[in-house]
Each structure stands twice: as C-alpha cells, then as structure tokens.
Amino acid sequence: MFKVLVISYYYPPMGLSGVQRVLKFTKYMKQYNWQPTVITAGDVAYFAHDLSLLKEAEEAGIEIIRTEGFDINSILGAKYKTVSMPKEFFRKILTRLSKTFFIPDNKKSWSKKAYQVAKQKLQNEKFDMIFVSVPPYSQFVMAAKLKKEFGIPLFVDYRDLWYGNHFSFYITPYHKIKHKKLEYHSLKQADKIVAINRKIKEKILLNYPFLQFDDIIIIPHGYDSEDFQKNIPYKKLNNKMKLTYSGIFYENITPEYFLKAFKELTIEKPDVAGNIELEFIGHLRKENQKLINELGLKSYVIEYGYLEHDEVIKRIMGADVLWMMIGNIKNADTISTSKLYEYFGTRKPILASVPEGAARQALVEYGASFITNPDYISDIKDAIVEIYNLYVSNNLPKPNEEFVASLDRSKLTGQLTNAFQFYLRAE
C-alpha cells in the first residue's frame, strides 16, 4: 500500500462535525490502496466527545498517534475532558483575545509538538504523501516545514478560508499581514490544494496570484452511506410534523429568526403551529433556551442536547423536515457546512435560511429545498406554512438522487486518493 501521513488536530474521540471529514477520508483510504497514519491531539478538553466516531476509526485499523502541546485544550484535558460551551458573549471575547495573542491560532503549541512527532516518524518510516486539513492553520505551517525538510508531496485541505476567513479578527494591520505571509509561505510548499467548494477556490486564487487554476481541486463535504444503512430511524410517536435542527449555535449561526418566525405562526395560524414539533439536537445554549421561554415556545420544542453521531443519524432520519442556517457575515458565501451534506444523506426536505453562496448553490442542486434569507422572519414563517401544507397532502419534494449519490464519503475519498496517485505518477 501507499502510505499517507495525516496531520489533524480535530479527530475522534473529539465530537462535532469538524472531525468528520478527516475521519471519513481515513476510514475509506484503505479501499483505494492507501494506508493512513494520523497524528492528532491527545487527551484534550473539548465541547463534545464521541466514542462512536472513535470506534469507527479503530475498526478501520487506522494507526493513530496522539500528542499534547501546551494549548489550553491539552492543559485542561485530563481534568476537564468535556467542557461546557461558554455563553456567546464570553465566547466571543475569549476568541478575540486568542486571535490577538496567537498567530495563526491557539493550536500553534500543539502543532509544534505534532511537527516533532511527525519528523521522528518520517525519519524512521517511508511515506508517499503528507495530508493536512485546516483549520487549525498552525498545523499547515508545520506540515509545510516537513515538506521542505523531507521532500514528501504535501496536500492541504481547506474546510474554511484562512486569510479573510468569515470569523477572522485582525486587531492590527500587523496581524493581517502576518496571517497572509504565513499562508503564502505555506502554500508555496503545498503540491496540491483541496477546497470544499468553488467559492473558497476562487478566493484563494484571488489572494495568491502565483497559484494556477489546476493547483486547486474541489472535493465537497459529504455523508457516509454506511451511517444511514446501519442505523434505524426512530419512529414518530404522533402525527405532528417534526422539524429538526442538528448542530451547535455560535457567532452568526443563531435560531433567533427561526424562533421568532415560529412565534408569529403560533399567533397567525395556531392550528398549524400546534401540529409541528421543533426538535433541537446538539448544544442549544442557555441564551437560546431563554429566548424559547420568553417567546412562549417551550411546549413546541424538544431538546436532546449533544448526542453521539449514531444517535444523531437516527434522529435526523426520523425527522420530516430538517432546518439549517448561516447568517449574513463577510465571506459567508464560502461556507458550506458538513452538517448540510449529512442532511443531504437523509434525502429529507430541508428548510435553509442562508445567504447567497456555496451553501445556497448546493441546496439548489439538492432540489428538495426551501430557501430563505437568514434573517427574513416573515419569509421563514411563510416557508414553514408551505412545507406544512405539502406535508399534510403527502406531497413533500424528493431530492436529486444523482446529486446525493455523488456525495458519498467513499466516492469522495476515491477522488482524493486518485489525486494522490495522479500527482505521484506525474512527478
């Protein structure tokens, strides 16, 4: 087999959607004659841990090397493994402090330790490829250093933009220049760039004119068909339309407008609202629970909190309609969350409150989508009514099956490993 060294801070047993892209790539690589070795975080603190995802990695026979740095997650890990997400106000302050004092990010200590571990591994073992997925961006800096020292081809996977990221915060011009300089030098070492959508590709090419169009390939997020085959959806206990959200809320991703739209529905069409259940899976956050109470919607809401991935699959498969949102912020057009693509795997209708961009385009291709602007309360309310009427008449739309089938994680891993092989043959 060919061998690839994968550097990824986010990997099971850490949970949430950020770990799944690399997990699923490494799970299916062996099918395409590639053996992955993953260097990842050790016993770190995080907002969620998921042993079912860790089991997947172990059953796939992936070699996993764990290491800690002096980042806050590693320091707190042994004592407080799963930590509560702070209130949004405090989370934003902590995030901005972190971005002020740590360039490119607060995982740079871990990345330095991972570099030493990777260096030792590369000195003792032959690898054909290095693969790193960002963020965190500090691990790309270290991977670029490994490429320079060992001459092993380097592929970098962009789940989000680096320079000009939608959550970027540059307190001084120095911070902005430093980020762009670090990314420039890292990209100079990369042999191939993978982006999750065309918008990210376009902006990287615009930021770094030395890159050619063919230097960047697009491999979108996806879903694992095996997850949907092995898990049996939960049966409904009533005839109400179940409208489900799976994920966390932070920054511009908020249920505020959706909840206010539903509040208007309870006033204008109480008979319709009374036949809808709002289901939330994941970290709803105290401030959103407070808003639900203030709006008098508690009787309509079922909250499950964080669930392991298999349980999430059962819940979203058992829903009638799924909801997601992305707020109006800078570079929101580059966002296409992995949660959305897992929604696609259910083949359920989706109510999406999103701006123009990659996510909206994917929803149009999906077909079974009801799309509103993120903060148009009346439009969201009208969309809920339209969906409900279709639900009652058993006439909800079906998705574009060809589009859905193209997003299977196994097929996407095939695209990635084909790119590995093509590069090695061209050398």
Foldseek 3Di string as FASTA:
>chain_A
DAEEEEEEQQAAQFDFQPHPLVLLLQLQLVVVVYAYEYEYADQFADQDGFVVSVVSSVVSVHHYHHDHFPFNRRVCRVPHRHDHDDAQVVNLVVLQVQVAPDVPGRCLRVLVVSLVVVVVVVVPDPHQEYEYEDDVPNNLLSVLVVCVVRVHAYEYEYLFARQQTLSDDDPDVVSNVRSLVSVQSSVVSHQAYEYQDDLNLVVVCVSHVVDDSRRYDHQHFAAALVLLVVAAADADPDQAAEEEEEGEDHDQWACVLVLVLLLVCCVVPVVNSVRYAYEYEEPNDPVNVVVCVVSVNPVRYDYDYYDHPSNVSNHLLNHQEYEGEDADTPPQQRHAGSVVNNNLSSQHAYEYAYDHHDNVVLNVQFPLYHYHHNRPNNSSNVSSVVQSVCVVVVNRDGTDVVSNVCRHSSNSSVVVVVVSVVVVVVD
